[in-house]
Amino acid sequence: QVDYVLSGFDPDEKPDLPGLIDRSIEMVQSFVSVGPELTMTRFN
């Protein structure tokens, strides 16, 4: 487990990282502006 979490993402995962980080940022912004409940409803 330690080796796994301290290693980089797999080559087949890296193309999806920018989109997932974009989604994460949208969730952070939603949390700040409308709170956790509405954010979970929209994104979870």
ModelCIF file with pLDDT and N, C-alpha, C, O atoms, coordinates in Angstrom:
data_MODEL
#
_entry.id   MODEL 
#
_entity.id                         1 
_entity.type                       polymer 
_entity.pdbx_number_of_molecules   1 
#
_entity_poly.entity_id                      1 
_entity_poly.type                           'polypeptide(L)' 
_entity_poly.nstd_linkage                   no 
_entity_poly.nstd_monomer                   no 
_entity_poly.pdbx_seq_one_letter_code       QVDYVLSGFDPDEKPDLPGLIDRSIEMVQSFVSVGPELTMTRFN 
_entity_poly.pdbx_seq_one_letter_code_can   QVDYVLSGFDPDEKPDLPGLIDRSIEMVQSFVSVGPELTMTRFN 
_entity_poly.pdbx_strand_id                 A 
#
loop_
_entity_poly_seq.entity_id 
_entity_poly_seq.num 
_entity_poly_seq.mon_id 
_entity_poly_seq.hetero 
1 1  GLN n 
1 2  VAL n 
1 3  ASP n 
1 4  TYR n 
1 5  VAL n 
1 6  LEU n 
1 7  SER n 
1 8  GLY n 
1 9  PHE n 
1 10 ASP n 
1 11 PRO n 
1 12 ASP n 
1 13 GLU n 
1 14 LYS n 
1 15 PRO n 
1 16 ASP n 
1 17 LEU n 
1 18 PRO n 
1 19 GLY n 
1 20 LEU n 
1 21 ILE n 
1 22 ASP n 
1 23 ARG n 
1 24 SER n 
1 25 ILE n 
1 26 GLU n 
1 27 MET n 
1 28 VAL n 
1 29 GLN n 
1 30 SER n 
1 31 PHE n 
1 32 VAL n 
1 33 SER n 
1 34 VAL n 
1 35 GLY n 
1 36 PRO n 
1 37 GLU n 
1 38 LEU n 
1 39 THR n 
1 40 MET n 
1 41 THR n 
1 42 ARG n 
1 43 PHE n 
1 44 ASN n 
#
_struct_asym.id          A 
_struct_asym.entity_id   1 
#
loop_
_ma_qa_metric.id 
_ma_qa_metric.mode 
_ma_qa_metric.name 
_ma_qa_metric.software_group_id 
_ma_qa_metric.type 
1 global pLDDT . pLDDT 
2 local  pLDDT . pLDDT 
#
_ma_qa_metric_global.metric_id      1 
_ma_qa_metric_global.metric_value   96.86 
_ma_qa_metric_global.model_id       1 
_ma_qa_metric_global.ordinal_id     1 
#
loop_
_ma_qa_metric_local.label_asym_id 
_ma_qa_metric_local.label_comp_id 
_ma_qa_metric_local.label_seq_id 
_ma_qa_metric_local.metric_id 
_ma_qa_metric_local.metric_value 
_ma_qa_metric_local.model_id 
_ma_qa_metric_local.ordinal_id 
A GLN 1  2 94.00 1 1  
A VAL 2  2 94.00 1 2  
A ASP 3  2 95.00 1 3  
A TYR 4  2 96.00 1 4  
A VAL 5  2 96.00 1 5  
A LEU 6  2 96.00 1 6  
A SER 7  2 97.00 1 7  
A GLY 8  2 97.00 1 8  
A PHE 9  2 97.00 1 9  
A ASP 10 2 96.00 1 10 
A PRO 11 2 96.00 1 11 
A ASP 12 2 97.00 1 12 
A GLU 13 2 97.00 1 13 
A LYS 14 2 97.00 1 14 
A PRO 15 2 97.00 1 15 
A ASP 16 2 98.00 1 16 
A LEU 17 2 98.00 1 17 
A PRO 18 2 97.00 1 18 
A GLY 19 2 98.00 1 19 
A LEU 20 2 98.00 1 20 
A ILE 21 2 98.00 1 21 
A ASP 22 2 98.00 1 22 
A ARG 23 2 98.00 1 23 
A SER 24 2 98.00 1 24 
A ILE 25 2 98.00 1 25 
A GLU 26 2 98.00 1 26 
A MET 27 2 98.00 1 27 
A VAL 28 2 98.00 1 28 
A GLN 29 2 98.00 1 29 
A SER 30 2 98.00 1 30 
A PHE 31 2 98.00 1 31 
A VAL 32 2 97.00 1 32 
A SER 33 2 97.00 1 33 
A VAL 34 2 96.00 1 34 
A GLY 35 2 96.00 1 35 
A PRO 36 2 96.00 1 36 
A GLU 37 2 96.00 1 37 
A LEU 38 2 97.00 1 38 
A THR 39 2 97.00 1 39 
A MET 40 2 97.00 1 40 
A THR 41 2 96.00 1 41 
A ARG 42 2 96.00 1 42 
A PHE 43 2 97.00 1 43 
A ASN 44 2 95.00 1 44 
#
loop_
_atom_site.group_PDB 
_atom_site.id 
_atom_site.type_symbol 
_atom_site.label_atom_id 
_atom_site.label_alt_id 
_atom_site.label_comp_id 
_atom_site.label_asym_id 
_atom_site.label_entity_id 
_atom_site.label_seq_id 
_atom_site.pdbx_PDB_ins_code 
_atom_site.Cartn_x 
_atom_site.Cartn_y 
_atom_site.Cartn_z 
_atom_site.occupancy 
_atom_site.B_iso_or_equiv 
_atom_site.pdbx_formal_charge 
_atom_site.auth_seq_id 
_atom_site.auth_comp_id 
_atom_site.auth_asym_id 
_atom_site.auth_atom_id 
_atom_site.pdbx_PDB_model_num 
ATOM 1   N N  . GLN A 1 1  ? 0.818   -1.210 0.000   1.00 94.00 ? 1  GLN A N  1 
ATOM 2   C CA . GLN A 1 1  ? 0.000   0.000  0.000   1.00 94.00 ? 1  GLN A CA 1 
ATOM 3   C C  . GLN A 1 1  ? 0.853   1.263  0.000   1.00 94.00 ? 1  GLN A C  1 
ATOM 4   O O  . GLN A 1 1  ? 0.572   2.198  -0.750  1.00 94.00 ? 1  GLN A O  1 
ATOM 5   N N  . VAL A 1 2  ? 1.886   1.302  0.827   1.00 94.00 ? 2  VAL A N  1 
ATOM 6   C CA . VAL A 1 2  ? 2.734   2.491  0.910   1.00 94.00 ? 2  VAL A CA 1 
ATOM 7   C C  . VAL A 1 2  ? 3.379   2.782  -0.434  1.00 94.00 ? 2  VAL A C  1 
ATOM 8   O O  . VAL A 1 2  ? 3.391   3.926  -0.888  1.00 94.00 ? 2  VAL A O  1 
ATOM 9   N N  . ASP A 1 3  ? 3.917   1.741  -1.073  1.00 95.00 ? 3  ASP A N  1 
ATOM 10  C CA . ASP A 1 3  ? 4.524   1.933  -2.389  1.00 95.00 ? 3  ASP A CA 1 
ATOM 11  C C  . ASP A 1 3  ? 3.502   2.454  -3.396  1.00 95.00 ? 3  ASP A C  1 
ATOM 12  O O  . ASP A 1 3  ? 3.814   3.285  -4.249  1.00 95.00 ? 3  ASP A O  1 
ATOM 13  N N  . TYR A 1 4  ? 2.294   1.956  -3.280  1.00 96.00 ? 4  TYR A N  1 
ATOM 14  C CA . TYR A 1 4  ? 1.238   2.329  -4.231  1.00 96.00 ? 4  TYR A CA 1 
ATOM 15  C C  . TYR A 1 4  ? 0.879   3.809  -4.098  1.00 96.00 ? 4  TYR A C  1 
ATOM 16  O O  . TYR A 1 4  ? 0.845   4.526  -5.098  1.00 96.00 ? 4  TYR A O  1 
ATOM 17  N N  . VAL A 1 5  ? 0.611   4.278  -2.867  1.00 96.00 ? 5  VAL A N  1 
ATOM 18  C CA . VAL A 1 5  ? 0.169   5.671  -2.705  1.00 96.00 ? 5  VAL A CA 1 
ATOM 19  C C  . VAL A 1 5  ? 1.303   6.661  -2.952  1.00 96.00 ? 5  VAL A C  1 
ATOM 20  O O  . VAL A 1 5  ? 1.057   7.818  -3.294  1.00 96.00 ? 5  VAL A O  1 
ATOM 21  N N  . LEU A 1 6  ? 2.540   6.210  -2.780  1.00 96.00 ? 6  LEU A N  1 
ATOM 22  C CA . LEU A 1 6  ? 3.685   7.093  -2.997  1.00 96.00 ? 6  LEU A CA 1 
ATOM 23  C C  . LEU A 1 6  ? 4.263   6.985  -4.408  1.00 96.00 ? 6  LEU A C  1 
ATOM 24  O O  . LEU A 1 6  ? 5.348   7.496  -4.682  1.00 96.00 ? 6  LEU A O  1 
ATOM 25  N N  . SER A 1 7  ? 3.533   6.319  -5.295  1.00 97.00 ? 7  SER A N  1 
ATOM 26  C CA . SER A 1 7  ? 3.951   6.242  -6.695  1.00 97.00 ? 7  SER A CA 1 
ATOM 27  C C  . SER A 1 7  ? 3.010   7.098  -7.546  1.00 97.00 ? 7  SER A C  1 
ATOM 28  O O  . SER A 1 7  ? 1.941   7.515  -7.101  1.00 97.00 ? 7  SER A O  1 
ATOM 29  N N  . GLY A 1 8  ? 3.441   7.341  -8.775  1.00 97.00 ? 8  GLY A N  1 
ATOM 30  C CA . GLY A 1 8  ? 2.643   8.177  -9.664  1.00 97.00 ? 8  GLY A CA 1 
ATOM 31  C C  . GLY A 1 8  ? 1.446   7.429  -10.230 1.00 97.00 ? 8  GLY A C  1 
ATOM 32  O O  . GLY A 1 8  ? 1.335   6.210  -10.104 1.00 97.00 ? 8  GLY A O  1 
ATOM 33  N N  . PHE A 1 9  ? 0.565   8.180  -10.846 1.00 97.00 ? 9  PHE A N  1 
ATOM 34  C CA . PHE A 1 9  ? -0.594  7.560  -11.484 1.00 97.00 ? 9  PHE A CA 1 
ATOM 35  C C  . PHE A 1 9  ? -0.143  6.746  -12.699 1.00 97.00 ? 9  PHE A C  1 
ATOM 36  O O  . PHE A 1 9  ? 0.859   7.061  -13.341 1.00 97.00 ? 9  PHE A O  1 
ATOM 37  N N  . ASP A 1 10 ? -0.903  5.698  -12.996 1.00 96.00 ? 10 ASP A N  1 
ATOM 38  C CA . ASP A 1 10 ? -0.579  4.828  -14.126 1.00 96.00 ? 10 ASP A CA 1 
ATOM 39  C C  . ASP A 1 10 ? -0.737  5.583  -15.442 1.00 96.00 ? 10 ASP A C  1 
ATOM 40  O O  . ASP A 1 10 ? -1.498  6.547  -15.521 1.00 96.00 ? 10 ASP A O  1 
ATOM 41  N N  . PRO A 1 11 ? -0.011  5.141  -16.484 1.00 96.00 ? 11 PRO A N  1 
ATOM 42  C CA . PRO A 1 11 ? -0.105  5.824  -17.787 1.00 96.00 ? 11 PRO A CA 1 
ATOM 43  C C  . PRO A 1 11 ? -1.534  5.915  -18.322 1.00 96.00 ? 11 PRO A C  1 
ATOM 44  O O  . PRO A 1 11 ? -1.901  6.909  -18.948 1.00 96.00 ? 11 PRO A O  1 
ATOM 45  N N  . ASP A 1 12 ? -2.341  4.875  -18.074 1.00 97.00 ? 12 ASP A N  1 
ATOM 46  C CA . ASP A 1 12 ? -3.717  4.919  -18.588 1.00 97.00 ? 12 ASP A CA 1 
ATOM 47  C C  . ASP A 1 12 ? -4.633  5.801  -17.735 1.00 97.00 ? 12 ASP A C  1 
ATOM 48  O O  . ASP A 1 12 ? -5.756  6.100  -18.140 1.00 97.00 ? 12 ASP A O  1 
ATOM 49  N N  . GLU A 1 13 ? -4.155  6.219  -16.549 1.00 97.00 ? 13 GLU A N  1 
ATOM 50  C CA . GLU A 1 13 ? -4.937  7.110  -15.692 1.00 97.00 ? 13 GLU A CA 1 
ATOM 51  C C  . GLU A 1 13 ? -4.631  8.586  -15.967 1.00 97.00 ? 13 GLU A C  1 
ATOM 52  O O  . GLU A 1 13 ? -5.501  9.444  -15.815 1.00 97.00 ? 13 GLU A O  1 
ATOM 53  N N  . LYS A 1 14 ? -3.406  8.873  -16.367 1.00 97.00 ? 14 LYS A N  1 
ATOM 54  C CA . LYS A 1 14 ? -2.969  10.266 -16.496 1.00 97.00 ? 14 LYS A CA 1 
ATOM 55  C C  . LYS A 1 14 ? -3.827  11.111 -17.440 1.00 97.00 ? 14 LYS A C  1 
ATOM 56  O O  . LYS A 1 14 ? -4.060  12.283 -17.141 1.00 97.00 ? 14 LYS A O  1 
ATOM 57  N N  . PRO A 1 15 ? -4.313  10.565 -18.582 1.00 97.00 ? 15 PRO A N  1 
ATOM 58  C CA . PRO A 1 15 ? -5.153  11.411 -19.447 1.00 97.00 ? 15 PRO A CA 1 
ATOM 59  C C  . PRO A 1 15 ? -6.437  11.894 -18.782 1.00 97.00 ? 15 PRO A C  1 
ATOM 60  O O  . PRO A 1 15 ? -6.985  12.928 -19.166 1.00 97.00 ? 15 PRO A O  1 
ATOM 61  N N  . ASP A 1 16 ? -6.923  11.145 -17.779 1.00 98.00 ? 16 ASP A N  1 
ATOM 62  C CA . ASP A 1 16 ? -8.169  11.521 -17.112 1.00 98.00 ? 16 ASP A CA 1 
ATOM 63  C C  . ASP A 1 16 ? -7.964  12.488 -15.948 1.00 98.00 ? 16 ASP A C  1 
ATOM 64  O O  . ASP A 1 16 ? -8.930  13.061 -15.444 1.00 98.00 ? 16 ASP A O  1 
ATOM 65  N N  . LEU A 1 17 ? -6.724  12.673 -15.522 1.00 98.00 ? 17 LEU A N  1 
ATOM 66  C CA . LEU A 1 17 ? -6.456  13.510 -14.351 1.00 98.00 ? 17 LEU A CA 1 
ATOM 67  C C  . LEU A 1 17 ? -6.942  14.957 -14.504 1.00 98.00 ? 17 LEU A C  1 
ATOM 68  O O  . LEU A 1 17 ? -7.588  15.468 -13.589 1.00 98.00 ? 17 LEU A O  1 
ATOM 69  N N  . PRO A 1 18 ? -6.659  15.636 -15.621 1.00 97.00 ? 18 PRO A N  1 
ATOM 70  C CA . PRO A 1 18 ? -7.114  17.040 -15.722 1.00 97.00 ? 18 PRO A CA 1 
ATOM 71  C C  . PRO A 1 18 ? -8.617  17.187 -15.551 1.00 97.00 ? 18 PRO A C  1 
ATOM 72  O O  . PRO A 1 18 ? -9.071  18.110 -14.874 1.00 97.00 ? 18 PRO A O  1 
ATOM 73  N N  . GLY A 1 19 ? -9.399  16.294 -16.152 1.00 98.00 ? 19 GLY A N  1 
ATOM 74  C CA . GLY A 1 19 ? -10.847 16.378 -16.019 1.00 98.00 ? 19 GLY A CA 1 
ATOM 75  C C  . GLY A 1 19 ? -11.321 16.119 -14.601 1.00 98.00 ? 19 GLY A C  1 
ATOM 76  O O  . GLY A 1 19 ? -12.267 16.753 -14.132 1.00 98.00 ? 19 GLY A O  1 
ATOM 77  N N  . LEU A 1 20 ? -10.667 15.191 -13.920 1.00 98.00 ? 20 LEU A N  1 
ATOM 78  C CA . LEU A 1 20 ? -11.034 14.885 -12.540 1.00 98.00 ? 20 LEU A CA 1 
ATOM 79  C C  . LEU A 1 20 ? -10.649 16.018 -11.594 1.00 98.00 ? 20 LEU A C  1 
ATOM 80  O O  . LEU A 1 20 ? -11.365 16.304 -10.634 1.00 98.00 ? 20 LEU A O  1 
ATOM 81  N N  . ILE A 1 21 ? -9.530  16.654 -11.865 1.00 98.00 ? 21 ILE A N  1 
ATOM 82  C CA . ILE A 1 21 ? -9.139  17.817 -11.068 1.00 98.00 ? 21 ILE A CA 1 
ATOM 83  C C  . ILE A 1 21 ? -10.109 18.968 -11.326 1.00 98.00 ? 21 ILE A C  1 
ATOM 84  O O  . ILE A 1 21 ? -10.469 19.692 -10.398 1.00 98.00 ? 21 ILE A O  1 
ATOM 85  N N  . ASP A 1 22 ? -10.539 19.145 -12.589 1.00 98.00 ? 22 ASP A N  1 
ATOM 86  C CA . ASP A 1 22 ? -11.559 20.154 -12.900 1.00 98.00 ? 22 ASP A CA 1 
ATOM 87  C C  . ASP A 1 22 ? -12.820 19.910 -12.081 1.00 98.00 ? 22 ASP A C  1 
ATOM 88  O O  . ASP A 1 22 ? -13.382 20.838 -11.499 1.00 98.00 ? 22 ASP A O  1 
ATOM 89  N N  . ARG A 1 23 ? -13.260 18.653 -12.040 1.00 98.00 ? 23 ARG A N  1 
ATOM 90  C CA . ARG A 1 23 ? -14.466 18.312 -11.280 1.00 98.00 ? 23 ARG A CA 1 
ATOM 91  C C  . ARG A 1 23 ? -14.260 18.587 -9.790  1.00 98.00 ? 23 ARG A C  1 
ATOM 92  O O  . ARG A 1 23 ? -15.164 19.081 -9.116  1.00 98.00 ? 23 ARG A O  1 
ATOM 93  N N  . SER A 1 24 ? -13.091 18.272 -9.287  1.00 98.00 ? 24 SER A N  1 
ATOM 94  C CA . SER A 1 24 ? -12.780 18.529 -7.885  1.00 98.00 ? 24 SER A CA 1 
ATOM 95  C C  . SER A 1 24 ? -12.873 20.016 -7.565  1.00 98.00 ? 24 SER A C  1 
ATOM 96  O O  . SER A 1 24 ? -13.399 20.399 -6.520  1.00 98.00 ? 24 SER A O  1 
ATOM 97  N N  . ILE A 1 25 ? -12.371 20.841 -8.452  1.00 98.00 ? 25 ILE A N  1 
ATOM 98  C CA . ILE A 1 25 ? -12.416 22.288 -8.244  1.00 98.00 ? 25 ILE A CA 1 
ATOM 99  C C  . ILE A 1 25 ? -13.857 22.792 -8.262  1.00 98.00 ? 25 ILE A C  1 
ATOM 100 O O  . ILE A 1 25 ? -14.221 23.657 -7.465  1.00 98.00 ? 25 ILE A O  1 
ATOM 101 N N  . GLU A 1 26 ? -14.669 22.265 -9.154  1.00 98.00 ? 26 GLU A N  1 
ATOM 102 C CA . GLU A 1 26 ? -16.080 22.630 -9.174  1.00 98.00 ? 26 GLU A CA 1 
ATOM 103 C C  . GLU A 1 26 ? -16.744 22.276 -7.843  1.00 98.00 ? 26 GLU A C  1 
ATOM 104 O O  . GLU A 1 26 ? -17.590 23.022 -7.350  1.00 98.00 ? 26 GLU A O  1 
ATOM 105 N N  . MET A 1 27 ? -16.364 21.148 -7.269  1.00 98.00 ? 27 MET A N  1 
ATOM 106 C CA . MET A 1 27 ? -16.937 20.716 -5.994  1.00 98.00 ? 27 MET A CA 1 
ATOM 107 C C  . MET A 1 27 ? -16.480 21.606 -4.841  1.00 98.00 ? 27 MET A C  1 
ATOM 108 O O  . MET A 1 27 ? -17.263 21.913 -3.942  1.00 98.00 ? 27 MET A O  1 
ATOM 109 N N  . VAL A 1 28 ? -15.223 22.016 -4.868  1.00 98.00 ? 28 VAL A N  1 
ATOM 110 C CA . VAL A 1 28 ? -14.725 22.943 -3.851  1.00 98.00 ? 28 VAL A CA 1 
ATOM 111 C C  . VAL A 1 28 ? -15.491 24.265 -3.931  1.00 98.00 ? 28 VAL A C  1 
ATOM 112 O O  . VAL A 1 28 ? -15.935 24.796 -2.913  1.00 98.00 ? 28 VAL A O  1 
ATOM 113 N N  . GLN A 1 29 ? -15.638 24.782 -5.132  1.00 98.00 ? 29 GLN A N  1 
ATOM 114 C CA . GLN A 1 29 ? -16.351 26.041 -5.323  1.00 98.00 ? 29 GLN A CA 1 
ATOM 115 C C  . GLN A 1 29 ? -17.810 25.924 -4.888  1.00 98.00 ? 29 GLN A C  1 
ATOM 116 O O  . GLN A 1 29 ? -18.364 26.852 -4.299  1.00 98.00 ? 29 GLN A O  1 
ATOM 117 N N  . SER A 1 30 ? -18.422 24.791 -5.179  1.00 98.00 ? 30 SER A N  1 
ATOM 118 C CA . SER A 1 30 ? -19.802 24.556 -4.769  1.00 98.00 ? 30 SER A CA 1 
ATOM 119 C C  . SER A 1 30 ? -19.922 24.484 -3.257  1.00 98.00 ? 30 SER A C  1 
ATOM 120 O O  . SER A 1 30 ? -20.853 25.046 -2.681  1.00 98.00 ? 30 SER A O  1 
ATOM 121 N N  . PHE A 1 31 ? -18.993 23.798 -2.612  1.00 98.00 ? 31 PHE A N  1 
ATOM 122 C CA . PHE A 1 31 ? -18.986 23.693 -1.148  1.00 98.00 ? 31 PHE A CA 1 
ATOM 123 C C  . PHE A 1 31 ? -18.936 25.073 -0.516  1.00 98.00 ? 31 PHE A C  1 
ATOM 124 O O  . PHE A 1 31 ? -19.652 25.354 0.445   1.00 98.00 ? 31 PHE A O  1 
ATOM 125 N N  . VAL A 1 32 ? -18.088 25.928 -1.059  1.00 97.00 ? 32 VAL A N  1 
ATOM 126 C CA . VAL A 1 32 ? -17.915 27.275 -0.517  1.00 97.00 ? 32 VAL A CA 1 
ATOM 127 C C  . VAL A 1 32 ? -19.159 28.130 -0.749  1.00 97.00 ? 32 VAL A C  1 
ATOM 128 O O  . VAL A 1 32 ? -19.535 28.921 0.115   1.00 97.00 ? 32 VAL A O  1 
ATOM 129 N N  . SER A 1 33 ? -19.798 27.978 -1.907  1.00 97.00 ? 33 SER A N  1 
ATOM 130 C CA . SER A 1 33 ? -20.898 28.877 -2.262  1.00 97.00 ? 33 SER A CA 1 
ATOM 131 C C  . SER A 1 33 ? -22.267 28.398 -1.792  1.00 97.00 ? 33 SER A C  1 
ATOM 132 O O  . SER A 1 33 ? -23.109 29.217 -1.423  1.00 97.00 ? 33 SER A O  1 
ATOM 133 N N  . VAL A 1 34 ? -22.510 27.060 -1.798  1.00 96.00 ? 34 VAL A N  1 
ATOM 134 C CA . VAL A 1 34 ? -23.855 26.581 -1.434  1.00 96.00 ? 34 VAL A CA 1 
ATOM 135 C C  . VAL A 1 34 ? -23.854 25.549 -0.316  1.00 96.00 ? 34 VAL A C  1 
ATOM 136 O O  . VAL A 1 34 ? -24.925 25.151 0.142   1.00 96.00 ? 34 VAL A O  1 
ATOM 137 N N  . GLY A 1 35 ? -22.688 25.105 0.138   1.00 96.00 ? 35 GLY A N  1 
ATOM 138 C CA . GLY A 1 35 ? -22.623 24.180 1.263   1.00 96.00 ? 35 GLY A CA 1 
ATOM 139 C C  . GLY A 1 35 ? -22.547 22.720 0.863   1.00 96.00 ? 35 GLY A C  1 
ATOM 140 O O  . GLY A 1 35 ? -22.678 22.389 -0.315  1.00 96.00 ? 35 GLY A O  1 
ATOM 141 N N  . PRO A 1 36 ? -22.336 21.839 1.845   1.00 96.00 ? 36 PRO A N  1 
ATOM 142 C CA . PRO A 1 36 ? -22.091 20.421 1.552   1.00 96.00 ? 36 PRO A CA 1 
ATOM 143 C C  . PRO A 1 36 ? -23.298 19.662 1.014   1.00 96.00 ? 36 PRO A C  1 
ATOM 144 O O  . PRO A 1 36 ? -23.145 18.825 0.124   1.00 96.00 ? 36 PRO A O  1 
ATOM 145 N N  . GLU A 1 37 ? -24.487 19.930 1.529   1.00 96.00 ? 37 GLU A N  1 
ATOM 146 C CA . GLU A 1 37 ? -25.653 19.130 1.143   1.00 96.00 ? 37 GLU A CA 1 
ATOM 147 C C  . GLU A 1 37 ? -25.983 19.282 -0.335  1.00 96.00 ? 37 GLU A C  1 
ATOM 148 O O  . GLU A 1 37 ? -26.152 18.286 -1.038  1.00 96.00 ? 37 GLU A O  1 
ATOM 149 N N  . LEU A 1 38 ? -26.076 20.517 -0.809  1.00 97.00 ? 38 LEU A N  1 
ATOM 150 C CA . LEU A 1 38 ? -26.372 20.741 -2.220  1.00 97.00 ? 38 LEU A CA 1 
ATOM 151 C C  . LEU A 1 38 ? -25.229 20.270 -3.110  1.00 97.00 ? 38 LEU A C  1 
ATOM 152 O O  . LEU A 1 38 ? -25.451 19.810 -4.230  1.00 97.00 ? 38 LEU A O  1 
ATOM 153 N N  . THR A 1 39 ? -24.014 20.388 -2.605  1.00 97.00 ? 39 THR A N  1 
ATOM 154 C CA . THR A 1 39 ? -22.869 19.903 -3.376  1.00 97.00 ? 39 THR A CA 1 
ATOM 155 C C  . THR A 1 39 ? -22.918 18.399 -3.537  1.00 97.00 ? 39 THR A C  1 
ATOM 156 O O  . THR A 1 39 ? -22.654 17.889 -4.626  1.00 97.00 ? 39 THR A O  1 
ATOM 157 N N  . MET A 1 40 ? -23.246 17.683 -2.487  1.00 97.00 ? 40 MET A N  1 
ATOM 158 C CA . MET A 1 40 ? -23.361 16.217 -2.574  1.00 97.00 ? 40 MET A CA 1 
ATOM 159 C C  . MET A 1 40 ? -24.491 15.814 -3.508  1.00 97.00 ? 40 MET A C  1 
ATOM 160 O O  . MET A 1 40 ? -24.350 14.871 -4.287  1.00 97.00 ? 40 MET A O  1 
ATOM 161 N N  . THR A 1 41 ? -25.610 16.525 -3.434  1.00 96.00 ? 41 THR A N  1 
ATOM 162 C CA . THR A 1 41 ? -26.733 16.218 -4.299  1.00 96.00 ? 41 THR A CA 1 
ATOM 163 C C  . THR A 1 41 ? -26.348 16.359 -5.772  1.00 96.00 ? 41 THR A C  1 
ATOM 164 O O  . THR A 1 41 ? -26.742 15.549 -6.611  1.00 96.00 ? 41 THR A O  1 
ATOM 165 N N  . ARG A 1 42 ? -25.587 17.381 -6.062  1.00 96.00 ? 42 ARG A N  1 
ATOM 166 C CA . ARG A 1 42 ? -25.216 17.639 -7.450  1.00 96.00 ? 42 ARG A CA 1 
ATOM 167 C C  . ARG A 1 42 ? -24.097 16.733 -7.958  1.00 96.00 ? 42 ARG A C  1 
ATOM 168 O O  . ARG A 1 42 ? -24.132 16.284 -9.104  1.00 96.00 ? 42 ARG A O  1 
ATOM 169 N N  . PHE A 1 43 ? -23.112 16.464 -7.112  1.00 97.00 ? 43 PHE A N  1 
ATOM 170 C CA . PHE A 1 43 ? -21.895 15.811 -7.599  1.00 97.00 ? 43 PHE A CA 1 
ATOM 171 C C  . PHE A 1 43 ? -21.722 14.355 -7.177  1.00 97.00 ? 43 PHE A C  1 
ATOM 172 O O  . PHE A 1 43 ? -21.051 13.597 -7.878  1.00 97.00 ? 43 PHE A O  1 
ATOM 173 N N  . ASN A 1 44 ? -22.302 13.945 -6.061  1.00 95.00 ? 44 ASN A N  1 
ATOM 174 C CA . ASN A 1 44 ? -22.081 12.566 -5.582  1.00 95.00 ? 44 ASN A CA 1 
ATOM 175 C C  . ASN A 1 44 ? -23.001 11.588 -6.304  1.00 95.00 ? 44 ASN A C  1 
ATOM 176 O O  . ASN A 1 44 ? -22.958 10.388 -6.034  1.00 95.00 ? 44 ASN A O  1 
#
